[in-house]
């Protein structure tokens, strides 16, 4: 009788574990908006759409070792940060400002407050990115990541900021910047993270210019023109990640390595396949396998408990 009672108890434990596993929702990436500090004013808040994918990817690429690898960590960190900032970056308040020839060399950006926001969220999840030294942080200083809003840039051949008949206004009167055909072409040209796919995406991205009439800006230095062009290209990649970050993160990471973290700074050239593989592809696979393994382990332990009771 005692043996039967013990068996019955184990059986009930097994059924309860299976029920809990079945009823527990799968850990799909969920977006949430995280302000940097609760007491900050609206102008000081950085709104990022943070997800489990982002935390898993950044942890795997940047926090897995005690020293930072610039070519491995920075492209993945930049890609996920651009993806998290996409919704805010492409929002236009009405009326949209017209592109001006007197834009400052360094447009106003969300970088510092967004770094604070991201670092707080990483710390809350015990993810610590190594700091190069006491005066240089990983995101702004080491990786040189800057987050802009489309309204602070001049990218007329990439985005239309005015309200069209097809534009959808939010309740607050804001609307999203409308990408041009050259930006939309990235959707089909940036789906493959291989060397060939990265090169195809990079070639499509090179069609994006910083200003519509560059010949009229003869007084601008070549460095300034390259900076404006790069800002517009990064905003186009931000739009692409906003469309589908899971699909485009691997390719965008490879392209960002070519644009910003190449061993040859004067050449934008994609890395060979064997060098690109440790980027965001592994990060996504790591996060997916980690999220899907927990219910299976619980079920396996329950079956083992039942066998011990027999």
C-alpha atoms as a PDB file:
ATOM      1  CA  UNK A   1       0.000   0.000   0.000  1.00  0.00           C
ATOM      2  CA  UNK A   2       2.840   2.348   0.897  1.00  0.00           C
ATOM      3  CA  UNK A   3       4.574   1.544  -2.400  1.00  0.00           C
ATOM      4  CA  UNK A   4       1.379   2.283  -4.321  1.00  0.00           C
ATOM      5  CA  UNK A   5       0.948   5.580  -2.459  1.00  0.00           C
ATOM      6  CA  UNK A   6       4.512   6.608  -3.338  1.00  0.00           C
ATOM      7  CA  UNK A   7       3.959   5.678  -6.982  1.00  0.00           C
ATOM      8  CA  UNK A   8       0.733   7.677  -7.042  1.00  0.00           C
ATOM      9  CA  UNK A   9       2.524  10.708  -5.580  1.00  0.00           C
ATOM     10  CA  UNK A  10       5.239  10.529  -8.238  1.00  0.00           C
ATOM     11  CA  UNK A  11       2.612  10.171 -10.964  1.00  0.00           C
ATOM     12  CA  UNK A  12       0.799  13.289  -9.747  1.00  0.00           C
ATOM     13  CA  UNK A  13       4.133  15.171  -9.686  1.00  0.00           C
ATOM     14  CA  UNK A  14       4.796  14.127 -13.282  1.00  0.00           C
ATOM     15  CA  UNK A  15       1.343  15.215 -14.453  1.00  0.00           C
ATOM     16  CA  UNK A  16       1.719  18.563 -12.701  1.00  0.00           C
ATOM     17  CA  UNK A  17       5.132  19.142 -14.312  1.00  0.00           C
ATOM     18  CA  UNK A  18       3.820  18.306 -17.793  1.00  0.00           C
ATOM     19  CA  UNK A  19       0.839  20.596 -17.260  1.00  0.00           C
ATOM     20  CA  UNK A  20       3.123  23.417 -16.161  1.00  0.00           C
ATOM     21  CA  UNK A  21       5.389  22.888 -19.169  1.00  0.00           C
ATOM     22  CA  UNK A  22       2.478  22.840 -21.603  1.00  0.00           C
ATOM     23  CA  UNK A  23       0.824  25.919 -20.129  1.00  0.00           C
ATOM     24  CA  UNK A  24       4.037  27.930 -19.931  1.00  0.00           C
ATOM     25  CA  UNK A  25       4.283  30.282 -22.943  1.00  0.00           C
ATOM     26  CA  UNK A  26       7.285  29.887 -25.198  1.00  0.00           C
ATOM     27  CA  UNK A  27       9.946  32.498 -24.594  1.00  0.00           C
ATOM     28  CA  UNK A  28       9.524  34.361 -27.840  1.00  0.00           C
ATOM     29  CA  UNK A  29      11.343  37.704 -28.074  1.00  0.00           C
ATOM     30  CA  UNK A  30       9.163  40.412 -26.605  1.00  0.00           C
ATOM     31  CA  UNK A  31       9.688  44.102 -27.130  1.00  0.00           C
ATOM     32  CA  UNK A  32       9.518  46.582 -24.307  1.00  0.00           C
ATOM     33  CA  UNK A  33      10.273  50.264 -24.034  1.00  0.00           C
ATOM     34  CA  UNK A  34      12.799  51.063 -21.351  1.00  0.00           C
ATOM     35  CA  UNK A  35      13.484  54.621 -20.162  1.00  0.00           C
ATOM     36  CA  UNK A  36      16.974  55.239 -18.851  1.00  0.00           C
ATOM     37  CA  UNK A  37      15.798  56.576 -15.468  1.00  0.00           C
ATOM     38  CA  UNK A  38      12.237  56.930 -14.081  1.00  0.00           C
ATOM     39  CA  UNK A  39      12.862  60.496 -12.869  1.00  0.00           C
ATOM     40  CA  UNK A  40      14.058  61.909 -16.168  1.00  0.00           C
ATOM     41  CA  UNK A  41      12.063  64.391 -18.203  1.00  0.00           C
ATOM     42  CA  UNK A  42      10.658  63.267 -21.607  1.00  0.00           C
ATOM     43  CA  UNK A  43      13.489  65.008 -23.487  1.00  0.00           C
ATOM     44  CA  UNK A  44      16.041  62.992 -21.502  1.00  0.00           C
ATOM     45  CA  UNK A  45      14.438  59.585 -22.047  1.00  0.00           C
ATOM     46  CA  UNK A  46      15.704  57.151 -24.645  1.00  0.00           C
ATOM     47  CA  UNK A  47      13.071  54.719 -25.817  1.00  0.00           C
ATOM     48  CA  UNK A  48      14.477  51.385 -26.954  1.00  0.00           C
ATOM     49  CA  UNK A  49      12.537  48.298 -28.021  1.00  0.00           C
ATOM     50  CA  UNK A  50      14.557  45.734 -26.094  1.00  0.00           C
ATOM     51  CA  UNK A  51      14.013  42.000 -26.605  1.00  0.00           C
ATOM     52  CA  UNK A  52      15.324  38.664 -25.379  1.00  0.00           C
ATOM     53  CA  UNK A  53      17.067  38.300 -28.748  1.00  0.00           C
ATOM     54  CA  UNK A  54      19.008  41.500 -28.133  1.00  0.00           C
ATOM     55  CA  UNK A  55      20.150  40.464 -24.661  1.00  0.00           C
ATOM     56  CA  UNK A  56      21.149  36.990 -25.856  1.00  0.00           C
ATOM     57  CA  UNK A  57      22.971  38.311 -28.911  1.00  0.00           C
ATOM     58  CA  UNK A  58      24.889  41.016 -27.050  1.00  0.00           C
ATOM     59  CA  UNK A  59      25.766  38.645 -24.212  1.00  0.00           C
ATOM     60  CA  UNK A  60      27.111  36.032 -26.625  1.00  0.00           C
ATOM     61  CA  UNK A  61      29.097  38.471 -28.795  1.00  0.00           C
ATOM     62  CA  UNK A  62      30.411  40.907 -26.179  1.00  0.00           C
ATOM     63  CA  UNK A  63      30.163  39.559 -22.621  1.00  0.00           C
ATOM     64  CA  UNK A  64      31.311  35.975 -23.109  1.00  0.00           C
ATOM     65  CA  UNK A  65      34.994  36.908 -22.701  1.00  0.00           C
ATOM     66  CA  UNK A  66      36.946  39.193 -20.382  1.00  0.00           C
ATOM     67  CA  UNK A  67      38.375  41.244 -23.253  1.00  0.00           C
ATOM     68  CA  UNK A  68      36.511  42.956 -26.081  1.00  0.00           C
ATOM     69  CA  UNK A  69      36.998  41.818 -29.668  1.00  0.00           C
ATOM     70  CA  UNK A  70      36.199  44.876 -31.772  1.00  0.00           C
ATOM     71  CA  UNK A  71      35.474  42.997 -34.994  1.00  0.00           C
ATOM     72  CA  UNK A  72      33.212  40.500 -33.219  1.00  0.00           C
ATOM     73  CA  UNK A  73      31.404  42.526 -30.542  1.00  0.00           C
ATOM     74  CA  UNK A  74      30.946  45.944 -32.141  1.00  0.00           C
ATOM     75  CA  UNK A  75      29.048  44.921 -35.334  1.00  0.00           C
ATOM     76  CA  UNK A  76      26.578  42.813 -33.335  1.00  0.00           C
ATOM     77  CA  UNK A  77      26.178  45.448 -30.612  1.00  0.00           C
ATOM     78  CA  UNK A  78      25.612  48.193 -33.199  1.00  0.00           C
ATOM     79  CA  UNK A  79      23.103  46.123 -35.178  1.00  0.00           C
ATOM     80  CA  UNK A  80      20.998  45.267 -32.128  1.00  0.00           C
ATOM     81  CA  UNK A  81      21.128  48.854 -30.851  1.00  0.00           C
ATOM     82  CA  UNK A  82      20.015  50.201 -34.239  1.00  0.00           C
ATOM     83  CA  UNK A  83      17.181  47.649 -34.253  1.00  0.00           C
ATOM     84  CA  UNK A  84      16.064  48.671 -30.765  1.00  0.00           C
ATOM     85  CA  UNK A  85      16.135  52.360 -31.729  1.00  0.00           C
ATOM     86  CA  UNK A  86      14.420  51.948 -35.118  1.00  0.00           C
ATOM     87  CA  UNK A  87      10.900  52.948 -34.124  1.00  0.00           C
ATOM     88  CA  UNK A  88      12.086  56.179 -32.465  1.00  0.00           C
ATOM     89  CA  UNK A  89      14.726  56.973 -35.092  1.00  0.00           C
ATOM     90  CA  UNK A  90      12.267  56.991 -38.010  1.00  0.00           C
ATOM     91  CA  UNK A  91       9.491  58.953 -36.309  1.00  0.00           C
ATOM     92  CA  UNK A  92       8.768  62.383 -37.780  1.00  0.00           C
ATOM     93  CA  UNK A  93       6.932  65.135 -35.926  1.00  0.00           C
ATOM     94  CA  UNK A  94       4.738  67.388 -38.036  1.00  0.00           C
ATOM     95  CA  UNK A  95       5.613  69.600 -39.712  1.00  0.00           C
ATOM     96  CA  UNK A  96       8.796  67.927 -40.907  1.00  0.00           C
ATOM     97  CA  UNK A  97      11.805  70.232 -41.186  1.00  0.00           C
ATOM     98  CA  UNK A  98      13.147  70.728 -44.665  1.00  0.00           C
ATOM     99  CA  UNK A  99      16.730  69.542 -45.314  1.00  0.00           C
ATOM    100  CA  UNK A 100      19.092  72.415 -44.651  1.00  0.00           C
ATOM    101  CA  UNK A 101      22.493  73.174 -46.065  1.00  0.00           C
ATOM    102  CA  UNK A 102      23.550  74.484 -42.646  1.00  0.00           C
ATOM    103  CA  UNK A 103      23.276  71.219 -40.732  1.00  0.00           C
ATOM    104  CA  UNK A 104      25.944  70.863 -38.042  1.00  0.00           C
ATOM    105  CA  UNK A 105      28.887  68.551 -38.513  1.00  0.00           C
ATOM    106  CA  UNK A 106      27.665  66.306 -35.693  1.00  0.00           C
ATOM    107  CA  UNK A 107      23.845  66.185 -35.663  1.00  0.00           C
ATOM    108  CA  UNK A 108      22.135  65.955 -32.288  1.00  0.00           C
ATOM    109  CA  UNK A 109      21.740  62.327 -31.311  1.00  0.00           C
ATOM    110  CA  UNK A 110      20.320  60.009 -28.663  1.00  0.00           C
ATOM    111  CA  UNK A 111      23.609  58.230 -28.032  1.00  0.00           C
ATOM    112  CA  UNK A 112      24.424  59.024 -24.386  1.00  0.00           C
ATOM    113  CA  UNK A 113      20.937  58.632 -22.963  1.00  0.00           C
ATOM    114  CA  UNK A 114      20.401  55.438 -24.963  1.00  0.00           C
ATOM    115  CA  UNK A 115      23.699  54.037 -23.718  1.00  0.00           C
ATOM    116  CA  UNK A 116      22.527  54.706 -20.156  1.00  0.00           C
ATOM    117  CA  UNK A 117      19.237  52.970 -20.889  1.00  0.00           C
ATOM    118  CA  UNK A 118      20.865  49.916 -22.458  1.00  0.00           C
ATOM    119  CA  UNK A 119      23.522  49.571 -19.766  1.00  0.00           C
ATOM    120  CA  UNK A 120      20.877  49.696 -17.021  1.00  0.00           C
ATOM    121  CA  UNK A 121      18.898  46.945 -18.738  1.00  0.00           C
ATOM    122  CA  UNK A 122      22.013  44.797 -19.260  1.00  0.00           C
ATOM    123  CA  UNK A 123      23.011  45.166 -15.616  1.00  0.00           C
ATOM    124  CA  UNK A 124      19.522  44.150 -14.510  1.00  0.00           C
ATOM    125  CA  UNK A 125      20.087  40.883 -16.379  1.00  0.00           C
ATOM    126  CA  UNK A 126      23.637  40.400 -15.050  1.00  0.00           C
ATOM    127  CA  UNK A 127      25.139  40.991 -18.519  1.00  0.00           C
ATOM    128  CA  UNK A 128      28.363  42.941 -18.222  1.00  0.00           C
ATOM    129  CA  UNK A 129      30.276  44.118 -21.292  1.00  0.00           C
ATOM    130  CA  UNK A 130      33.990  44.540 -20.466  1.00  0.00           C
ATOM    131  CA  UNK A 131      35.148  48.157 -20.352  1.00  0.00           C
ATOM    132  CA  UNK A 132      38.376  48.834 -22.288  1.00  0.00           C
ATOM    133  CA  UNK A 133      39.666  51.196 -19.595  1.00  0.00           C
ATOM    134  CA  UNK A 134      38.504  53.592 -16.909  1.00  0.00           C
ATOM    135  CA  UNK A 135      37.796  56.426 -19.349  1.00  0.00           C
ATOM    136  CA  UNK A 136      36.450  54.495 -22.364  1.00  0.00           C
ATOM    137  CA  UNK A 137      33.097  52.713 -22.432  1.00  0.00           C
ATOM    138  CA  UNK A 138      32.342  49.883 -24.856  1.00  0.00           C
ATOM    139  CA  UNK A 139      29.466  51.440 -26.811  1.00  0.00           C
ATOM    140  CA  UNK A 140      30.344  55.087 -27.485  1.00  0.00           C
ATOM    141  CA  UNK A 141      34.121  55.106 -27.149  1.00  0.00           C
ATOM    142  CA  UNK A 142      35.323  51.623 -28.131  1.00  0.00           C
ATOM    143  CA  UNK A 143      32.714  50.810 -30.805  1.00  0.00           C
ATOM    144  CA  UNK A 144      31.905  54.405 -31.776  1.00  0.00           C
ATOM    145  CA  UNK A 145      28.147  53.781 -32.043  1.00  0.00           C
ATOM    146  CA  UNK A 146      25.975  56.862 -32.546  1.00  0.00           C
ATOM    147  CA  UNK A 147      22.174  56.883 -32.634  1.00  0.00           C
ATOM    148  CA  UNK A 148      20.533  59.587 -34.750  1.00  0.00           C
ATOM    149  CA  UNK A 149      16.963  60.504 -35.590  1.00  0.00           C
ATOM    150  CA  UNK A 150      15.980  60.888 -39.224  1.00  0.00           C
ATOM    151  CA  UNK A 151      14.860  64.483 -38.578  1.00  0.00           C
ATOM    152  CA  UNK A 152      18.431  65.494 -37.660  1.00  0.00           C
ATOM    153  CA  UNK A 153      19.908  64.150 -40.907  1.00  0.00           C
ATOM    154  CA  UNK A 154      19.740  65.170 -44.562  1.00  0.00           C
ATOM    155  CA  UNK A 155      18.970  62.002 -46.555  1.00  0.00           C
ATOM    156  CA  UNK A 156      16.533  63.136 -49.282  1.00  0.00           C
ATOM    157  CA  UNK A 157      17.370  60.313 -51.704  1.00  0.00           C
ATOM    158  CA  UNK A 158      16.758  57.765 -48.927  1.00  0.00           C
ATOM    159  CA  UNK A 159      13.723  59.042 -46.968  1.00  0.00           C
ATOM    160  CA  UNK A 160      10.796  61.349 -47.549  1.00  0.00           C
ATOM    161  CA  UNK A 161       9.882  63.233 -44.366  1.00  0.00           C
ATOM    162  CA  UNK A 162       6.752  64.990 -45.619  1.00  0.00           C
ATOM    163  CA  UNK A 163       3.299  63.506 -45.158  1.00  0.00           C
ATOM    164  CA  UNK A 164       1.973  61.774 -48.253  1.00  0.00           C
ATOM    165  CA  UNK A 165      -1.545  60.549 -48.924  1.00  0.00           C
ATOM    166  CA  UNK A 166      -0.459  57.032 -48.016  1.00  0.00           C
ATOM    167  CA  UNK A 167       1.281  58.049 -44.791  1.00  0.00           C
ATOM    168  CA  UNK A 168      -0.352  56.929 -41.560  1.00  0.00           C
ATOM    169  CA  UNK A 169      -0.415  59.519 -38.797  1.00  0.00           C
ATOM    170  CA  UNK A 170      -0.326  58.499 -35.161  1.00  0.00           C
ATOM    171  CA  UNK A 171      -2.693  59.968 -32.590  1.00  0.00           C
ATOM    172  CA  UNK A 172       0.033  62.415 -31.570  1.00  0.00           C
ATOM    173  CA  UNK A 173       0.265  63.743 -35.133  1.00  0.00           C
ATOM    174  CA  UNK A 174       3.578  62.057 -35.883  1.00  0.00           C
ATOM    175  CA  UNK A 175       4.305  59.738 -38.789  1.00  0.00           C
ATOM    176  CA  UNK A 176       7.083  57.465 -39.984  1.00  0.00           C
ATOM    177  CA  UNK A 177       9.609  58.592 -42.567  1.00  0.00           C
ATOM    178  CA  UNK A 178       8.856  57.046 -45.966  1.00  0.00           C
ATOM    179  CA  UNK A 179      11.755  55.101 -47.521  1.00  0.00           C
ATOM    180  CA  UNK A 180      12.558  55.638 -51.173  1.00  0.00           C
ATOM    181  CA  UNK A 181      12.998  52.851 -53.716  1.00  0.00           C
ATOM    182  CA  UNK A 182      16.756  52.718 -53.134  1.00  0.00           C
ATOM    183  CA  UNK A 183      16.186  51.929 -49.447  1.00  0.00           C
ATOM    184  CA  UNK A 184      13.386  49.449 -50.124  1.00  0.00           C
ATOM    185  CA  UNK A 185      15.721  47.545 -52.435  1.00  0.00           C
ATOM    186  CA  UNK A 186      17.694  46.500 -49.326  1.00  0.00           C
ATOM    187  CA  UNK A 187      14.884  44.100 -48.381  1.00  0.00           C
ATOM    188  CA  UNK A 188      15.733  41.792 -51.273  1.00  0.00           C
ATOM    189  CA  UNK A 189      19.472  42.527 -51.402  1.00  0.00           C
ATOM    190  CA  UNK A 190      20.298  41.951 -47.724  1.00  0.00           C
ATOM    191  CA  UNK A 191      18.760  38.568 -46.900  1.00  0.00           C
ATOM    192  CA  UNK A 192      21.968  36.526 -47.132  1.00  0.00           C
ATOM    193  CA  UNK A 193      24.726  36.842 -44.522  1.00  0.00           C
ATOM    194  CA  UNK A 194      27.366  35.018 -46.601  1.00  0.00           C
ATOM    195  CA  UNK A 195      30.293  36.850 -48.209  1.00  0.00           C
ATOM    196  CA  UNK A 196      28.361  37.075 -51.486  1.00  0.00           C
ATOM    197  CA  UNK A 197      25.199  38.231 -49.714  1.00  0.00           C
ATOM    198  CA  UNK A 198      27.071  40.808 -47.634  1.00  0.00           C
ATOM    199  CA  UNK A 199      28.745  42.157 -50.762  1.00  0.00           C
ATOM    200  CA  UNK A 200      25.396  42.398 -52.568  1.00  0.00           C
ATOM    201  CA  UNK A 201      23.875  44.275 -49.632  1.00  0.00           C
ATOM    202  CA  UNK A 202      26.889  46.585 -49.387  1.00  0.00           C
ATOM    203  CA  UNK A 203      26.702  47.417 -53.101  1.00  0.00           C
ATOM    204  CA  UNK A 204      22.996  48.267 -52.760  1.00  0.00           C
ATOM    205  CA  UNK A 205      23.765  50.410 -49.736  1.00  0.00           C
ATOM    206  CA  UNK A 206      26.401  52.412 -51.619  1.00  0.00           C
ATOM    207  CA  UNK A 207      23.635  53.896 -53.788  1.00  0.00           C
ATOM    208  CA  UNK A 208      22.433  55.903 -50.790  1.00  0.00           C
ATOM    209  CA  UNK A 209      23.866  59.411 -50.738  1.00  0.00           C
ATOM    210  CA  UNK A 210      24.193  61.934 -47.926  1.00  0.00           C
ATOM    211  CA  UNK A 211      22.770  64.862 -49.889  1.00  0.00           C
ATOM    212  CA  UNK A 212      20.724  65.174 -53.055  1.00  0.00           C
ATOM    213  CA  UNK A 213      22.955  67.847 -54.606  1.00  0.00           C
ATOM    214  CA  UNK A 214      26.457  67.035 -53.500  1.00  0.00           C
ATOM    215  CA  UNK A 215      27.972  69.087 -56.346  1.00  0.00           C
ATOM    216  CA  UNK A 216      26.550  72.241 -54.753  1.00  0.00           C
ATOM    217  CA  UNK A 217      28.524  71.590 -51.574  1.00  0.00           C
ATOM    218  CA  UNK A 218      32.006  72.138 -52.916  1.00  0.00           C
ATOM    219  CA  UNK A 219      33.022  73.848 -49.672  1.00  0.00           C
ATOM    220  CA  UNK A 220      32.444  70.666 -47.653  1.00  0.00           C
ATOM    221  CA  UNK A 221      35.436  68.469 -46.976  1.00  0.00           C
ATOM    222  CA  UNK A 222      35.565  64.892 -48.224  1.00  0.00           C
ATOM    223  CA  UNK A 223      35.499  63.700 -44.630  1.00  0.00           C
ATOM    224  CA  UNK A 224      32.265  65.594 -43.941  1.00  0.00           C
ATOM    225  CA  UNK A 225      30.634  64.154 -47.065  1.00  0.00           C
ATOM    226  CA  UNK A 226      31.606  60.628 -46.031  1.00  0.00           C
ATOM    227  CA  UNK A 227      30.198  61.196 -42.542  1.00  0.00           C
ATOM    228  CA  UNK A 228      26.846  62.421 -43.874  1.00  0.00           C
ATOM    229  CA  UNK A 229      26.700  59.535 -46.347  1.00  0.00           C
ATOM    230  CA  UNK A 230      27.494  56.979 -43.639  1.00  0.00           C
ATOM    231  CA  UNK A 231      24.815  58.429 -41.346  1.00  0.00           C
ATOM    232  CA  UNK A 232      22.208  58.014 -44.096  1.00  0.00           C
ATOM    233  CA  UNK A 233      23.379  54.468 -44.845  1.00  0.00           C
ATOM    234  CA  UNK A 234      23.131  53.540 -41.168  1.00  0.00           C
ATOM    235  CA  UNK A 235      19.632  55.020 -41.039  1.00  0.00           C
ATOM    236  CA  UNK A 236      18.676  52.844 -44.026  1.00  0.00           C
ATOM    237  CA  UNK A 237      19.972  49.768 -42.182  1.00  0.00           C
ATOM    238  CA  UNK A 238      18.013  50.910 -39.129  1.00  0.00           C
ATOM    239  CA  UNK A 239      14.847  50.977 -41.243  1.00  0.00           C
ATOM    240  CA  UNK A 240      15.661  47.485 -42.539  1.00  0.00           C
ATOM    241  CA  UNK A 241      16.070  46.131 -39.008  1.00  0.00           C
ATOM    242  CA  UNK A 242      12.806  47.781 -38.036  1.00  0.00           C
ATOM    243  CA  UNK A 243      11.099  45.761 -40.779  1.00  0.00           C
ATOM    244  CA  UNK A 244      12.399  42.400 -39.526  1.00  0.00           C
ATOM    245  CA  UNK A 245      15.315  42.388 -37.115  1.00  0.00           C
ATOM    246  CA  UNK A 246      15.521  38.598 -36.818  1.00  0.00           C
ATOM    247  CA  UNK A 247      15.842  38.114 -40.573  1.00  0.00           C
ATOM    248  CA  UNK A 248      18.321  40.924 -41.210  1.00  0.00           C
ATOM    249  CA  UNK A 249      20.534  41.025 -38.091  1.00  0.00           C
ATOM    250  CA  UNK A 250      23.144  38.551 -39.482  1.00  0.00           C
ATOM    251  CA  UNK A 251      23.567  40.424 -42.778  1.00  0.00           C
ATOM    252  CA  UNK A 252      23.491  43.876 -41.193  1.00  0.00           C
ATOM    253  CA  UNK A 253      26.143  42.791 -38.674  1.00  0.00           C
ATOM    254  CA  UNK A 254      28.407  41.651 -41.522  1.00  0.00           C
ATOM    255  CA  UNK A 255      27.806  44.906 -43.432  1.00  0.00           C
ATOM    256  CA  UNK A 256      28.493  47.025 -40.342  1.00  0.00           C
ATOM    257  CA  UNK A 257      31.781  45.197 -39.869  1.00  0.00           C
ATOM    258  CA  UNK A 258      32.704  46.146 -43.444  1.00  0.00           C
ATOM    259  CA  UNK A 259      31.603  49.777 -43.047  1.00  0.00           C
ATOM    260  CA  UNK A 260      32.842  50.596 -39.556  1.00  0.00           C
ATOM    261  CA  UNK A 261      35.065  47.847 -38.156  1.00  0.00           C
ATOM    262  CA  UNK A 262      37.116  46.616 -41.087  1.00  0.00           C
ATOM    263  CA  UNK A 263      40.804  45.868 -40.719  1.00  0.00           C
ATOM    264  CA  UNK A 264      41.175  48.112 -43.777  1.00  0.00           C
ATOM    265  CA  UNK A 265      39.493  51.395 -42.748  1.00  0.00           C
ATOM    266  CA  UNK A 266      39.741  52.935 -46.231  1.00  0.00           C
ATOM    267  CA  UNK A 267      38.062  49.932 -47.873  1.00  0.00           C
ATOM    268  CA  UNK A 268      34.475  48.841 -47.288  1.00  0.00           C
ATOM    269  CA  UNK A 269      34.867  45.153 -47.951  1.00  0.00           C
ATOM    270  CA  UNK A 270      32.961  42.198 -46.530  1.00  0.00           C
ATOM    271  CA  UNK A 271      34.860  39.551 -44.572  1.00  0.00           C
ATOM    272  CA  UNK A 272      35.154  35.928 -45.758  1.00  0.00           C
ATOM    273  CA  UNK A 273      32.409  33.535 -44.655  1.00  0.00           C
ATOM    274  CA  UNK A 274      34.500  31.871 -41.961  1.00  0.00           C
ATOM    275  CA  UNK A 275      35.050  35.273 -40.303  1.00  0.00           C
ATOM    276  CA  UNK A 276      31.394  36.346 -40.492  1.00  0.00           C
ATOM    277  CA  UNK A 277      29.977  33.195 -38.924  1.00  0.00           C
ATOM    278  CA  UNK A 278      30.818  34.094 -35.290  1.00  0.00           C
ATOM    279  CA  UNK A 279      28.703  37.226 -35.636  1.00  0.00           C
ATOM    280  CA  UNK A 280      24.961  37.501 -35.049  1.00  0.00           C
ATOM    281  CA  UNK A 281      24.168  34.102 -36.624  1.00  0.00           C
ATOM    282  CA  UNK A 282      25.649  32.287 -33.652  1.00  0.00           C
ATOM    283  CA  UNK A 283      24.051  34.770 -31.272  1.00  0.00           C
ATOM    284  CA  UNK A 284      20.564  34.044 -32.613  1.00  0.00           C
ATOM    285  CA  UNK A 285      21.142  30.294 -32.567  1.00  0.00           C
ATOM    286  CA  UNK A 286      22.445  30.514 -28.993  1.00  0.00           C
ATOM    287  CA  UNK A 287      19.415  32.450 -27.807  1.00  0.00           C
ATOM    288  CA  UNK A 288      16.945  30.145 -29.583  1.00  0.00           C
ATOM    289  CA  UNK A 289      18.470  26.941 -28.229  1.00  0.00           C
ATOM    290  CA  UNK A 290      18.709  28.372 -24.718  1.00  0.00           C
ATOM    291  CA  UNK A 291      15.047  29.422 -24.698  1.00  0.00           C
ATOM    292  CA  UNK A 292      13.767  26.102 -26.044  1.00  0.00           C
ATOM    293  CA  UNK A 293      15.801  23.781 -23.799  1.00  0.00           C
ATOM    294  CA  UNK A 294      14.265  24.613 -20.402  1.00  0.00           C
ATOM    295  CA  UNK A 295      10.840  22.902 -20.874  1.00  0.00           C
ATOM    296  CA  UNK A 296      12.539  19.795 -22.277  1.00  0.00           C
ATOM    297  CA  UNK A 297      14.876  19.524 -19.274  1.00  0.00           C
ATOM    298  CA  UNK A 298      11.958  19.838 -16.849  1.00  0.00           C
ATOM    299  CA  UNK A 299      10.056  17.069 -18.632  1.00  0.00           C
ATOM    300  CA  UNK A 300      13.137  14.824 -18.647  1.00  0.00           C
ATOM    301  CA  UNK A 301      13.649  15.276 -14.904  1.00  0.00           C
ATOM    302  CA  UNK A 302       9.990  14.445 -14.258  1.00  0.00           C
ATOM    303  CA  UNK A 303      10.222  11.166 -16.192  1.00  0.00           C
ATOM    304  CA  UNK A 304      13.408  10.254 -14.321  1.00  0.00           C
ATOM    305  CA  UNK A 305      11.657  10.908 -10.988  1.00  0.00           C
ATOM    306  CA  UNK A 306       8.807   8.603 -11.997  1.00  0.00           C
ATOM    307  CA  UNK A 307      11.220   5.807 -12.950  1.00  0.00           C
ATOM    308  CA  UNK A 308      12.930   6.067  -9.559  1.00  0.00           C
ATOM    309  CA  UNK A 309       9.602   5.605  -7.822  1.00  0.00           C
ATOM    310  CA  UNK A 310       8.833   2.346  -9.617  1.00  0.00           C
END
